[in-house]
Protein backbone atom coordinates (compact mmCIF):
# COMPACT_ATOMS: atom_id res chain seq x y z
CA UNK A 1 0.69 0.21 0.03
CA UNK A 2 0.86 3.53 -0.44
CA UNK A 3 0.48 6.43 1.88
CA UNK A 4 -2.58 7.78 0.73
CA UNK A 5 -4.13 4.49 -0.07
CA UNK A 6 -6.91 3.92 2.70
CA UNK A 7 -6.68 1.74 5.57
CA UNK A 8 -10.02 2.31 6.76
CA UNK A 9 -12.00 1.62 3.95
CA UNK A 10 -14.97 2.35 6.09
CA UNK A 11 -14.29 5.84 7.22
CA UNK A 12 -11.70 6.58 3.86
CA UNK A 13 -8.68 6.93 6.46
CA UNK A 14 -5.23 6.84 4.74
CA UNK A 15 -2.06 4.85 6.03
CA UNK A 16 -0.50 8.27 6.37
CA UNK A 17 -3.19 9.91 8.40
CA UNK A 18 -2.72 6.82 10.62
CA UNK A 19 0.63 7.63 10.55
CA UNK A 20 0.54 10.99 11.43
CA UNK A 21 -1.99 10.23 14.14
CA UNK A 22 0.69 8.09 15.68
CA UNK A 23 3.21 9.94 15.46
CA UNK A 24 1.78 13.33 16.25
CA UNK A 25 -0.74 12.11 19.08
CA UNK A 26 2.20 9.85 20.65
CA UNK A 27 -0.28 6.73 20.49
CA UNK A 28 0.58 3.69 23.07
CA UNK A 29 -2.23 1.36 22.63
CA UNK A 30 -4.26 0.68 19.42
CA UNK A 31 -7.34 1.42 20.57
CA UNK A 32 -6.24 4.80 20.38
CA UNK A 33 -6.86 4.65 16.83
CA UNK A 34 -10.43 5.17 17.11
CA UNK A 35 -9.73 8.77 17.27
CA UNK A 36 -8.10 9.05 14.15
CA UNK A 37 -11.18 9.53 12.02
CA UNK A 38 -13.10 6.59 13.70
CA UNK A 39 -10.64 4.44 11.64
CA UNK A 40 -11.20 0.68 12.79
CA UNK A 41 -14.57 1.58 14.64
CA UNK A 42 -16.13 0.16 11.28
CA UNK A 43 -16.51 -3.29 10.08
CA UNK A 44 -12.90 -4.03 12.38
CA UNK A 45 -10.97 -5.26 9.02
CA UNK A 46 -8.62 -2.61 9.31
CA UNK A 47 -7.78 -2.95 13.10
CA UNK A 48 -4.79 -5.48 12.72
CA UNK A 49 -3.24 -3.85 10.12
CA UNK A 50 -3.15 -0.65 12.17
CA UNK A 51 -2.14 -2.57 15.05
CA UNK A 52 0.79 -3.90 13.14
CA UNK A 53 2.01 0.01 11.86
CA UNK A 54 1.38 0.96 15.57
CA UNK A 55 3.95 -1.64 16.67
CA UNK A 56 6.28 -0.76 13.35
CA UNK A 57 6.01 2.65 14.60
CA UNK A 58 7.10 1.91 17.98
CA UNK A 59 10.10 0.14 16.55
CA UNK A 60 11.21 2.17 13.76
CA UNK A 61 9.20 5.34 12.74
CA UNK A 62 9.64 6.10 9.10
CA UNK A 63 10.33 9.79 8.10
CA UNK A 64 8.18 11.65 5.93
CA UNK A 65 11.16 10.83 2.96
CA UNK A 66 11.00 7.00 3.70
CA UNK A 67 7.16 6.43 4.27
CA UNK A 68 6.60 4.98 0.59
CA UNK A 69 9.30 2.77 1.22
CA UNK A 70 8.32 1.78 4.57
CA UNK A 71 4.33 1.07 4.11
CA UNK A 72 5.30 -1.06 0.71
CA UNK A 73 7.49 -3.44 3.09
CA UNK A 74 4.73 -3.54 5.86
CA UNK A 75 1.52 -3.59 4.31
CA UNK A 76 -0.09 -6.05 1.27
CA UNK A 77 -1.20 -4.23 -1.68
CA UNK A 78 -3.90 -2.16 -2.10
CA UNK A 79 -5.80 -4.82 -4.71
CA UNK A 80 -5.28 -7.64 -2.04
CA UNK A 81 -5.75 -5.50 1.23
CA UNK A 82 -9.41 -4.01 -0.41
CA UNK A 83 -10.02 -8.33 -1.66
CA UNK A 84 -8.97 -9.38 1.83
CA UNK A 85 -11.91 -6.79 3.27
CA UNK A 86 -14.32 -7.88 0.71
CA UNK A 87 -14.12 -11.32 2.06
CA UNK A 88 -14.02 -10.60 5.49
CA UNK A 89 -16.90 -8.64 5.20
CA UNK A 90 -19.14 -11.17 3.41
CA UNK A 91 -18.26 -13.54 6.17
CA UNK A 92 -19.90 -11.40 8.95
CA UNK A 93 -23.86 -11.62 10.09
CA UNK A 94 -26.14 -8.84 9.91
CA UNK A 95 -23.28 -5.66 8.20
CA UNK A 96 -25.00 -3.76 5.74
CA UNK A 97 -24.20 -4.51 2.06
CA UNK A 98 -23.88 -0.68 1.84
CA UNK A 99 -22.26 0.49 5.19
CA UNK A 100 -19.52 3.19 4.91
CA UNK A 101 -18.69 2.23 8.29
CA UNK A 102 -21.79 3.38 10.14
CA UNK A 103 -24.86 0.51 10.15
CA UNK A 104 -28.13 1.44 8.46
CA UNK A 105 -30.54 2.57 11.30
CA UNK A 106 -33.71 4.30 10.83
CA UNK A 107 -32.83 7.06 12.45
CA UNK A 108 -36.21 10.08 13.32
CA UNK A 109 -35.94 13.15 11.39
CA UNK A 110 -36.05 16.18 12.86
CA UNK A 111 -39.88 17.21 12.68
CA UNK A 112 -40.66 13.72 14.77
CA UNK A 113 -37.94 15.05 16.90
CA UNK A 114 -39.86 18.55 17.18
CA UNK A 115 -43.28 17.16 17.06
CA UNK A 116 -43.32 13.64 17.98
CA UNK A 117 -43.96 10.88 15.69
CA UNK A 118 -46.29 7.76 15.44
CA UNK A 119 -43.51 5.61 16.04
CA UNK A 120 -42.93 6.58 19.45
CA UNK A 121 -46.68 7.27 20.44
CA UNK A 122 -46.77 10.78 21.03
CA UNK A 123 -48.86 13.49 19.29
CA UNK A 124 -47.69 15.72 16.56
CA UNK A 125 -50.20 18.69 18.53
CA UNK A 126 -49.04 18.74 22.18
CA UNK A 127 -45.81 16.09 21.93
CA UNK A 128 -47.09 15.22 25.07
CA UNK A 129 -47.57 10.60 25.06
CA UNK A 130 -50.51 9.19 24.37
CA UNK A 131 -51.71 5.58 23.54
CA UNK A 132 -50.83 4.42 20.08
CA UNK A 133 -54.06 3.43 18.46
CA UNK A 134 -52.54 0.75 16.07
CA UNK A 135 -51.33 -0.96 18.64
CA UNK A 136 -54.25 -0.94 20.98
CA UNK A 137 -53.02 0.13 24.38
């Protein structure tokens, strides 16, 4: 992989961004990388690679001039990495096909939050809770 290739494909976080984050924030634990734009919090495919990069950076961090060669020696080819992720995601149960990291959840729209909605049993007129007629409660 090259420096500007995406390491976290869910959140489009590049190798360069992760390496810079490790260097600037002096990351010690892999879990701290979640603060780098959410890297590793989507499908989870990139976590092992991020852990390897963190470990390698702690041993011998690359300079800005050697980052491309450093990554090439320590990461898989971009297309193999993407293919591996596709297989990994296909093996996961209940992962949305279109997930770019976040799961597809039906979130209430702003008007529902301001005026209530039938789904949460509140009235649209005054926002107070009223029994949902369709449920028979």
